[in-house]
Amino acid sequence: MERKRVALVTGGAKGIGKAIALKLADAGFSLAINYRTSEKKANELVSYLQSRGVNALAIRADVSKRDEVKKMHETCRAYFGFVDTVINNAGVSQYKMFCDCTDEDYDFVMNNNLRSAVNVCSFFSPDMVSNNFGRIVNISSVWGEQGASMEVLYSASKAGVIGLSKALNAELAPSGVIVNAVTPGFIDTDMNAHLSKEDVDAFTQSISVGRVGKPSEVADVVELLTRRDLYIAGAVIPVNGGLL
């Protein structure tokens, strides 16, 4: 009998993370929903999943902090046993002129977007290697590939996530642990809620399909990258509507 699949989704209480959790639940996964501040939303999601018969648990942890990731790993092992799939989705955005960025800005963006993924991979991947199976999907950004004005630190952090994914896959894939990155474009989430309709309309003109993406469309690609039979490894998969 095959072992029950178990996935950890960081930043899983809302937006893209929530969509990924729902998609993986449909695919038969048990789920650890990580959150930092969105306790109510995380618990609501877990309650909904449990009402559908899904084994789910909400776990609070600031994934930018190594000691909190260590505790989260211990909690997951105690509750689920082997977590074979990790989705590193937690992250922050920042829109600011580079000349105005401070050391504190650098630490905030890099810790939340890059260090967080490093922390989670460092604690969860050894179990995968020991079991000769694992899937890691790191959520980067189109700006990690192309770079964006006024988002220099964010772009640099997400480029780091791409480098992490490629290098870690090269190291772990021979042990059955496949790592890939997904680079969403303009997706309808809280992260973009501050933009005006005019800003959204202007950006949409640079998208070949002519619309903003949905979190569920990112989740579809992530679910593909978690499958047992997978010949996609060390890849960077864009979900950006054909950004021109």
C-alpha atoms as a PDB file:
ATOM      1  CA  MET A   1       0.000   0.000   0.000  1.00  0.00           C
ATOM      2  CA  GLU A   2       1.334   3.416  -0.942  1.00  0.00           C
ATOM      3  CA  ARG A   3       1.951   5.869   1.853  1.00  0.00           C
ATOM      4  CA  LYS A   4      -0.626   8.667   2.208  1.00  0.00           C
ATOM      5  CA  ARG A   5       0.668  11.860   0.629  1.00  0.00           C
ATOM      6  CA  VAL A   6       1.231  14.758   3.037  1.00  0.00           C
ATOM      7  CA  ALA A   7       2.006  18.338   2.005  1.00  0.00           C
ATOM      8  CA  LEU A   8       3.100  21.414   3.906  1.00  0.00           C
ATOM      9  CA  VAL A   9       1.983  24.702   2.359  1.00  0.00           C
ATOM     10  CA  THR A  10       3.676  27.765   3.853  1.00  0.00           C
ATOM     11  CA  GLY A  11       1.598  30.911   3.786  1.00  0.00           C
ATOM     12  CA  GLY A  12      -1.305  28.573   3.132  1.00  0.00           C
ATOM     13  CA  ALA A  13      -4.172  30.471   4.751  1.00  0.00           C
ATOM     14  CA  LYS A  14      -5.069  32.743   1.842  1.00  0.00           C
ATOM     15  CA  GLY A  15      -4.381  33.721  -1.750  1.00  0.00           C
ATOM     16  CA  ILE A  16      -2.218  31.410  -3.827  1.00  0.00           C
ATOM     17  CA  GLY A  17      -1.358  29.285  -0.787  1.00  0.00           C
ATOM     18  CA  LYS A  18      -5.012  28.602  -0.028  1.00  0.00           C
ATOM     19  CA  ALA A  19      -5.710  27.728  -3.669  1.00  0.00           C
ATOM     20  CA  ILE A  20      -2.788  25.289  -3.616  1.00  0.00           C
ATOM     21  CA  ALA A  21      -4.041  23.681  -0.408  1.00  0.00           C
ATOM     22  CA  LEU A  22      -7.519  23.186  -1.884  1.00  0.00           C
ATOM     23  CA  LYS A  23      -6.080  21.730  -5.085  1.00  0.00           C
ATOM     24  CA  LEU A  24      -3.839  19.300  -3.207  1.00  0.00           C
ATOM     25  CA  ALA A  25      -6.752  18.275  -1.005  1.00  0.00           C
ATOM     26  CA  ASP A  26      -8.669  17.379  -4.163  1.00  0.00           C
ATOM     27  CA  ALA A  27      -5.649  15.310  -5.226  1.00  0.00           C
ATOM     28  CA  GLY A  28      -5.818  13.271  -2.011  1.00  0.00           C
ATOM     29  CA  PHE A  29      -3.186  14.956   0.164  1.00  0.00           C
ATOM     30  CA  SER A  30      -3.275  15.465   3.913  1.00  0.00           C
ATOM     31  CA  LEU A  31      -2.292  19.054   4.614  1.00  0.00           C
ATOM     32  CA  ALA A  32      -0.273  21.138   7.053  1.00  0.00           C
ATOM     33  CA  ILE A  33      -1.364  24.754   6.624  1.00  0.00           C
ATOM     34  CA  ASN A  34       1.334  27.134   7.825  1.00  0.00           C
ATOM     35  CA  TYR A  35       0.513  30.722   8.729  1.00  0.00           C
ATOM     36  CA  ARG A  36       2.146  33.575  10.598  1.00  0.00           C
ATOM     37  CA  THR A  37      -0.581  36.167  11.254  1.00  0.00           C
ATOM     38  CA  SER A  38      -3.697  34.852   9.488  1.00  0.00           C
ATOM     39  CA  GLU A  39      -4.821  32.558  12.306  1.00  0.00           C
ATOM     40  CA  LYS A  40      -8.552  32.972  11.694  1.00  0.00           C
ATOM     41  CA  LYS A  41      -8.279  32.270   7.983  1.00  0.00           C
ATOM     42  CA  ALA A  42      -5.998  29.274   8.576  1.00  0.00           C
ATOM     43  CA  ASN A  43      -8.398  27.739  11.081  1.00  0.00           C
ATOM     44  CA  GLU A  44     -11.364  28.383   8.804  1.00  0.00           C
ATOM     45  CA  LEU A  45      -9.568  26.632   5.954  1.00  0.00           C
ATOM     46  CA  VAL A  46      -8.636  23.674   8.137  1.00  0.00           C
ATOM     47  CA  SER A  47     -12.226  23.382   9.390  1.00  0.00           C
ATOM     48  CA  TYR A  48     -13.480  23.394   5.816  1.00  0.00           C
ATOM     49  CA  LEU A  49     -10.974  20.742   4.762  1.00  0.00           C
ATOM     50  CA  GLN A  50     -11.804  18.570   7.740  1.00  0.00           C
ATOM     51  CA  SER A  51     -15.519  18.845   6.899  1.00  0.00           C
ATOM     52  CA  ARG A  52     -14.618  17.252   3.567  1.00  0.00           C
ATOM     53  CA  GLY A  53     -12.763  14.421   5.259  1.00  0.00           C
ATOM     54  CA  VAL A  54      -9.264  15.825   4.703  1.00  0.00           C
ATOM     55  CA  ASN A  55      -6.662  15.318   7.425  1.00  0.00           C
ATOM     56  CA  ALA A  56      -5.512  18.908   7.983  1.00  0.00           C
ATOM     57  CA  LEU A  57      -3.680  20.901  10.628  1.00  0.00           C
ATOM     58  CA  ALA A  58      -2.966  24.637  11.010  1.00  0.00           C
ATOM     59  CA  ILE A  59       0.525  25.447  12.290  1.00  0.00           C
ATOM     60  CA  ARG A  60       1.688  28.916  13.252  1.00  0.00           C
ATOM     61  CA  ALA A  61       5.353  29.623  12.447  1.00  0.00           C
ATOM     62  CA  ASP A  62       7.376  32.531  11.150  1.00  0.00           C
ATOM     63  CA  VAL A  63       9.273  30.626   8.487  1.00  0.00           C
ATOM     64  CA  SER A  64      11.931  33.333   8.291  1.00  0.00           C
ATOM     65  CA  LYS A  65      13.060  32.148  11.740  1.00  0.00           C
ATOM     66  CA  ARG A  66      14.983  28.902  11.889  1.00  0.00           C
ATOM     67  CA  ASP A  67      13.920  27.951  15.415  1.00  0.00           C
ATOM     68  CA  GLU A  68      10.238  28.291  14.529  1.00  0.00           C
ATOM     69  CA  VAL A  69      10.668  26.149  11.403  1.00  0.00           C
ATOM     70  CA  LYS A  70      12.385  23.520  13.557  1.00  0.00           C
ATOM     71  CA  LYS A  71       9.355  23.425  15.877  1.00  0.00           C
ATOM     72  CA  MET A  72       6.991  23.266  12.886  1.00  0.00           C
ATOM     73  CA  HIS A  73       8.943  20.322  11.509  1.00  0.00           C
ATOM     74  CA  GLU A  74       8.693  18.526  14.838  1.00  0.00           C
ATOM     75  CA  THR A  75       4.943  19.184  14.962  1.00  0.00           C
ATOM     76  CA  CYS A  76       4.469  17.846  11.437  1.00  0.00           C
ATOM     77  CA  ARG A  77       6.457  14.696  12.174  1.00  0.00           C
ATOM     78  CA  ALA A  78       4.488  14.047  15.354  1.00  0.00           C
ATOM     79  CA  TYR A  79       1.108  14.580  13.691  1.00  0.00           C
ATOM     80  CA  PHE A  80       1.588  13.275  10.153  1.00  0.00           C
ATOM     81  CA  GLY A  81       4.767  11.221  10.245  1.00  0.00           C
ATOM     82  CA  PHE A  82       6.507  11.749   6.902  1.00  0.00           C
ATOM     83  CA  VAL A  83       5.833  15.006   5.042  1.00  0.00           C
ATOM     84  CA  ASP A  84       6.753  14.152   1.452  1.00  0.00           C
ATOM     85  CA  THR A  85       5.809  17.438  -0.219  1.00  0.00           C
ATOM     86  CA  VAL A  86       6.666  21.046   0.596  1.00  0.00           C
ATOM     87  CA  ILE A  87       5.241  24.126  -1.107  1.00  0.00           C
ATOM     88  CA  ASN A  88       7.266  27.208  -0.186  1.00  0.00           C
ATOM     89  CA  ASN A  89       4.681  29.894  -0.832  1.00  0.00           C
ATOM     90  CA  ALA A  90       5.110  32.318   2.084  1.00  0.00           C
ATOM     91  CA  GLY A  91       6.497  35.695   1.087  1.00  0.00           C
ATOM     92  CA  VAL A  92       6.179  39.464   1.132  1.00  0.00           C
ATOM     93  CA  SER A  93       6.223  42.229  -1.446  1.00  0.00           C
ATOM     94  CA  GLN A  94       7.793  45.659  -1.375  1.00  0.00           C
ATOM     95  CA  TYR A  95       7.322  48.594  -3.746  1.00  0.00           C
ATOM     96  CA  LYS A  96       9.996  51.203  -3.171  1.00  0.00           C
ATOM     97  CA  MET A  97      12.716  53.144  -4.954  1.00  0.00           C
ATOM     98  CA  PHE A  98      15.992  51.268  -4.594  1.00  0.00           C
ATOM     99  CA  CYS A  99      17.807  54.412  -3.419  1.00  0.00           C
ATOM    100  CA  ASP A 100      15.379  54.605  -0.489  1.00  0.00           C
ATOM    101  CA  CYS A 101      15.819  50.983   0.600  1.00  0.00           C
ATOM    102  CA  THR A 102      17.402  50.471   3.997  1.00  0.00           C
ATOM    103  CA  ASP A 103      19.230  47.602   5.670  1.00  0.00           C
ATOM    104  CA  GLU A 104      15.965  46.856   7.446  1.00  0.00           C
ATOM    105  CA  ASP A 105      14.158  46.637   4.078  1.00  0.00           C
ATOM    106  CA  TYR A 106      16.796  44.232   2.800  1.00  0.00           C
ATOM    107  CA  ASP A 107      16.508  41.987   5.831  1.00  0.00           C
ATOM    108  CA  PHE A 108      12.699  42.060   5.716  1.00  0.00           C
ATOM    109  CA  VAL A 109      12.441  41.068   2.062  1.00  0.00           C
ATOM    110  CA  MET A 110      15.306  38.577   1.936  1.00  0.00           C
ATOM    111  CA  ASN A 111      14.365  36.868   5.192  1.00  0.00           C
ATOM    112  CA  ASN A 112      10.722  36.435   4.251  1.00  0.00           C
ATOM    113  CA  ASN A 113      11.207  35.444   0.610  1.00  0.00           C
ATOM    114  CA  LEU A 114      14.521  33.592   0.418  1.00  0.00           C
ATOM    115  CA  ARG A 115      15.665  32.646   3.901  1.00  0.00           C
ATOM    116  CA  SER A 116      12.210  31.236   4.622  1.00  0.00           C
ATOM    117  CA  ALA A 117      12.475  28.778   1.720  1.00  0.00           C
ATOM    118  CA  VAL A 118      16.018  27.847   2.753  1.00  0.00           C
ATOM    119  CA  ASN A 119      14.875  27.228   6.330  1.00  0.00           C
ATOM    120  CA  VAL A 120      11.961  25.007   5.339  1.00  0.00           C
ATOM    121  CA  CYS A 121      13.994  23.006   2.813  1.00  0.00           C
ATOM    122  CA  SER A 122      16.817  22.477   5.295  1.00  0.00           C
ATOM    123  CA  PHE A 123      14.526  20.882   7.891  1.00  0.00           C
ATOM    124  CA  PHE A 124      12.127  18.940   5.671  1.00  0.00           C
ATOM    125  CA  SER A 125      14.371  17.682   2.837  1.00  0.00           C
ATOM    126  CA  PRO A 126      16.501  15.273   4.957  1.00  0.00           C
ATOM    127  CA  ASP A 127      13.386  13.198   5.725  1.00  0.00           C
ATOM    128  CA  MET A 128      12.631  13.081   2.004  1.00  0.00           C
ATOM    129  CA  VAL A 129      16.151  11.925   1.202  1.00  0.00           C
ATOM    130  CA  SER A 130      15.929   9.243   3.893  1.00  0.00           C
ATOM    131  CA  ASN A 131      12.674   8.004   2.335  1.00  0.00           C
ATOM    132  CA  ASN A 132      13.986   8.301  -1.243  1.00  0.00           C
ATOM    133  CA  PHE A 133      11.004  10.418  -2.234  1.00  0.00           C
ATOM    134  CA  GLY A 134       9.973  14.031  -2.046  1.00  0.00           C
ATOM    135  CA  ARG A 135       8.592  16.966  -3.965  1.00  0.00           C
ATOM    136  CA  ILE A 136       9.480  20.596  -3.303  1.00  0.00           C
ATOM    137  CA  VAL A 137       7.831  23.443  -5.195  1.00  0.00           C
ATOM    138  CA  ASN A 138       9.107  26.952  -4.533  1.00  0.00           C
ATOM    139  CA  ILE A 139       6.895  29.888  -5.475  1.00  0.00           C
ATOM    140  CA  SER A 140       9.068  32.588  -7.024  1.00  0.00           C
ATOM    141  CA  SER A 141       7.816  35.381  -9.303  1.00  0.00           C
ATOM    142  CA  VAL A 142       8.012  36.599 -12.863  1.00  0.00           C
ATOM    143  CA  TRP A 143      10.075  39.475 -11.445  1.00  0.00           C
ATOM    144  CA  GLY A 144      12.627  36.947 -10.241  1.00  0.00           C
ATOM    145  CA  GLU A 145      13.202  36.189 -13.923  1.00  0.00           C
ATOM    146  CA  GLN A 146      12.811  39.640 -15.483  1.00  0.00           C
ATOM    147  CA  GLY A 147      13.293  42.150 -12.679  1.00  0.00           C
ATOM    148  CA  ALA A 148      10.945  45.041 -11.954  1.00  0.00           C
ATOM    149  CA  SER A 149      11.505  48.732 -11.405  1.00  0.00           C
ATOM    150  CA  MET A 150      10.612  49.814  -7.856  1.00  0.00           C
ATOM    151  CA  GLU A 151      10.813  46.161  -6.780  1.00  0.00           C
ATOM    152  CA  VAL A 152      14.564  45.592  -6.825  1.00  0.00           C
ATOM    153  CA  LEU A 153      14.881  43.802  -3.483  1.00  0.00           C
ATOM    154  CA  TYR A 154      11.769  41.732  -4.179  1.00  0.00           C
ATOM    155  CA  SER A 155      13.100  40.770  -7.613  1.00  0.00           C
ATOM    156  CA  ALA A 156      16.493  39.851  -6.160  1.00  0.00           C
ATOM    157  CA  SER A 157      14.925  37.696  -3.445  1.00  0.00           C
ATOM    158  CA  LYS A 158      12.739  35.850  -5.943  1.00  0.00           C
ATOM    159  CA  ALA A 159      15.706  35.339  -8.277  1.00  0.00           C
ATOM    160  CA  GLY A 160      17.407  33.739  -5.292  1.00  0.00           C
ATOM    161  CA  VAL A 161      14.470  31.345  -4.942  1.00  0.00           C
ATOM    162  CA  ILE A 162      15.006  30.286  -8.561  1.00  0.00           C
ATOM    163  CA  GLY A 163      18.716  29.666  -7.950  1.00  0.00           C
ATOM    164  CA  LEU A 164      17.907  27.734  -4.779  1.00  0.00           C
ATOM    165  CA  SER A 165      15.443  25.543  -6.657  1.00  0.00           C
ATOM    166  CA  LYS A 166      17.796  24.669  -9.497  1.00  0.00           C
ATOM    167  CA  ALA A 167      20.794  23.965  -7.270  1.00  0.00           C
ATOM    168  CA  LEU A 168      18.825  21.999  -4.684  1.00  0.00           C
ATOM    169  CA  ASN A 169      17.272  19.848  -7.394  1.00  0.00           C
ATOM    170  CA  ALA A 170      20.719  19.056  -8.778  1.00  0.00           C
ATOM    171  CA  GLU A 171      21.753  17.920  -5.305  1.00  0.00           C
ATOM    172  CA  LEU A 172      18.620  16.025  -4.256  1.00  0.00           C
ATOM    173  CA  ALA A 173      17.036  14.593  -7.398  1.00  0.00           C
ATOM    174  CA  PRO A 174      19.395  11.571  -7.453  1.00  0.00           C
ATOM    175  CA  SER A 175      17.850  10.706  -4.054  1.00  0.00           C
ATOM    176  CA  GLY A 176      14.295  10.915  -5.398  1.00  0.00           C
ATOM    177  CA  VAL A 177      13.608  14.451  -4.218  1.00  0.00           C
ATOM    178  CA  ILE A 178      12.572  16.693  -7.111  1.00  0.00           C
ATOM    179  CA  VAL A 179      12.621  20.472  -6.767  1.00  0.00           C
ATOM    180  CA  ASN A 180      10.953  22.939  -9.131  1.00  0.00           C
ATOM    181  CA  ALA A 181      10.018  26.619  -9.093  1.00  0.00           C
ATOM    182  CA  VAL A 182       6.849  28.334 -10.287  1.00  0.00           C
ATOM    183  CA  THR A 183       6.923  31.988 -11.316  1.00  0.00           C
ATOM    184  CA  PRO A 184       3.470  33.601 -11.161  1.00  0.00           C
ATOM    185  CA  GLY A 185       2.800  36.825 -12.994  1.00  0.00           C
ATOM    186  CA  PHE A 186      -0.021  39.214 -12.140  1.00  0.00           C
ATOM    187  CA  ILE A 187      -2.361  37.111  -9.975  1.00  0.00           C
ATOM    188  CA  ASP A 188      -5.548  38.373  -8.296  1.00  0.00           C
ATOM    189  CA  THR A 189      -4.480  38.232  -4.634  1.00  0.00           C
ATOM    190  CA  ASP A 190      -4.306  40.505  -1.592  1.00  0.00           C
ATOM    191  CA  MET A 191      -0.702  41.299  -2.532  1.00  0.00           C
ATOM    192  CA  ASN A 192      -1.998  43.272  -5.520  1.00  0.00           C
ATOM    193  CA  ALA A 193      -5.150  44.646  -3.877  1.00  0.00           C
ATOM    194  CA  HIS A 194      -3.572  48.071  -3.336  1.00  0.00           C
ATOM    195  CA  LEU A 195      -3.342  48.722  -7.084  1.00  0.00           C
ATOM    196  CA  SER A 196      -5.882  51.032  -8.711  1.00  0.00           C
ATOM    197  CA  LYS A 197      -8.147  49.898 -11.537  1.00  0.00           C
ATOM    198  CA  GLU A 198      -6.123  52.118 -13.853  1.00  0.00           C
ATOM    199  CA  ASP A 199      -2.879  50.412 -12.801  1.00  0.00           C
ATOM    200  CA  VAL A 200      -4.423  46.975 -13.294  1.00  0.00           C
ATOM    201  CA  ASP A 201      -5.787  47.900 -16.710  1.00  0.00           C
ATOM    202  CA  ALA A 202      -2.415  49.295 -17.781  1.00  0.00           C
ATOM    203  CA  PHE A 203      -0.558  46.169 -16.685  1.00  0.00           C
ATOM    204  CA  THR A 204      -3.118  43.883 -18.304  1.00  0.00           C
ATOM    205  CA  GLN A 205      -2.188  45.380 -21.668  1.00  0.00           C
ATOM    206  CA  SER A 206       1.216  43.689 -21.315  1.00  0.00           C
ATOM    207  CA  ILE A 207      -0.347  40.237 -20.836  1.00  0.00           C
ATOM    208  CA  SER A 208      -0.957  38.362 -24.065  1.00  0.00           C
ATOM    209  CA  VAL A 209      -4.141  36.632 -22.846  1.00  0.00           C
ATOM    210  CA  GLY A 210      -5.469  40.018 -21.772  1.00  0.00           C
ATOM    211  CA  ARG A 211      -6.430  39.335 -18.167  1.00  0.00           C
ATOM    212  CA  VAL A 212      -5.177  38.897 -14.619  1.00  0.00           C
ATOM    213  CA  GLY A 213      -4.504  35.338 -13.447  1.00  0.00           C
ATOM    214  CA  LYS A 214      -6.378  33.386 -10.783  1.00  0.00           C
ATOM    215  CA  PRO A 215      -4.766  31.712  -7.760  1.00  0.00           C
ATOM    216  CA  SER A 216      -6.341  28.425  -8.886  1.00  0.00           C
ATOM    217  CA  GLU A 217      -4.384  28.615 -12.135  1.00  0.00           C
ATOM    218  CA  VAL A 218      -1.117  28.709 -10.199  1.00  0.00           C
ATOM    219  CA  ALA A 219      -2.384  25.844  -8.044  1.00  0.00           C
ATOM    220  CA  ASP A 220      -3.030  23.712 -11.132  1.00  0.00           C
ATOM    221  CA  VAL A 221       0.636  23.912 -12.094  1.00  0.00           C
ATOM    222  CA  VAL A 222       1.853  23.315  -8.553  1.00  0.00           C
ATOM    223  CA  GLU A 223      -0.263  20.167  -8.272  1.00  0.00           C
ATOM    224  CA  LEU A 224       1.296  18.832 -11.462  1.00  0.00           C
ATOM    225  CA  LEU A 225       4.752  19.296  -9.947  1.00  0.00           C
ATOM    226  CA  THR A 226       3.847  17.230  -6.876  1.00  0.00           C
ATOM    227  CA  ARG A 227       2.950  14.051  -8.750  1.00  0.00           C
ATOM    228  CA  ARG A 228       4.765  10.783  -8.127  1.00  0.00           C
ATOM    229  CA  ASP A 229       5.552  10.177 -11.785  1.00  0.00           C
ATOM    230  CA  LEU A 230       7.354  13.362 -12.737  1.00  0.00           C
ATOM    231  CA  TYR A 231       9.866  14.127 -15.467  1.00  0.00           C
ATOM    232  CA  ILE A 232      10.023  17.856 -14.735  1.00  0.00           C
ATOM    233  CA  ALA A 233      12.950  18.661 -12.470  1.00  0.00           C
ATOM    234  CA  GLY A 234      14.956  21.770 -11.687  1.00  0.00           C
ATOM    235  CA  ALA A 235      12.561  23.706 -13.896  1.00  0.00           C
ATOM    236  CA  VAL A 236      11.152  27.209 -13.677  1.00  0.00           C
ATOM    237  CA  ILE A 237       7.532  27.160 -14.809  1.00  0.00           C
ATOM    238  CA  PRO A 238       5.962  30.546 -15.662  1.00  0.00           C
ATOM    239  CA  VAL A 239       2.278  31.174 -14.941  1.00  0.00           C
ATOM    240  CA  ASN A 240       2.002  34.695 -16.271  1.00  0.00           C
ATOM    241  CA  GLY A 241      -0.541  34.702 -19.108  1.00  0.00           C
ATOM    242  CA  GLY A 242       2.184  35.261 -21.677  1.00  0.00           C
ATOM    243  CA  LEU A 243       3.704  38.452 -20.290  1.00  0.00           C
ATOM    244  CA  LEU A 244       4.958  40.467 -23.228  1.00  0.00           C
END
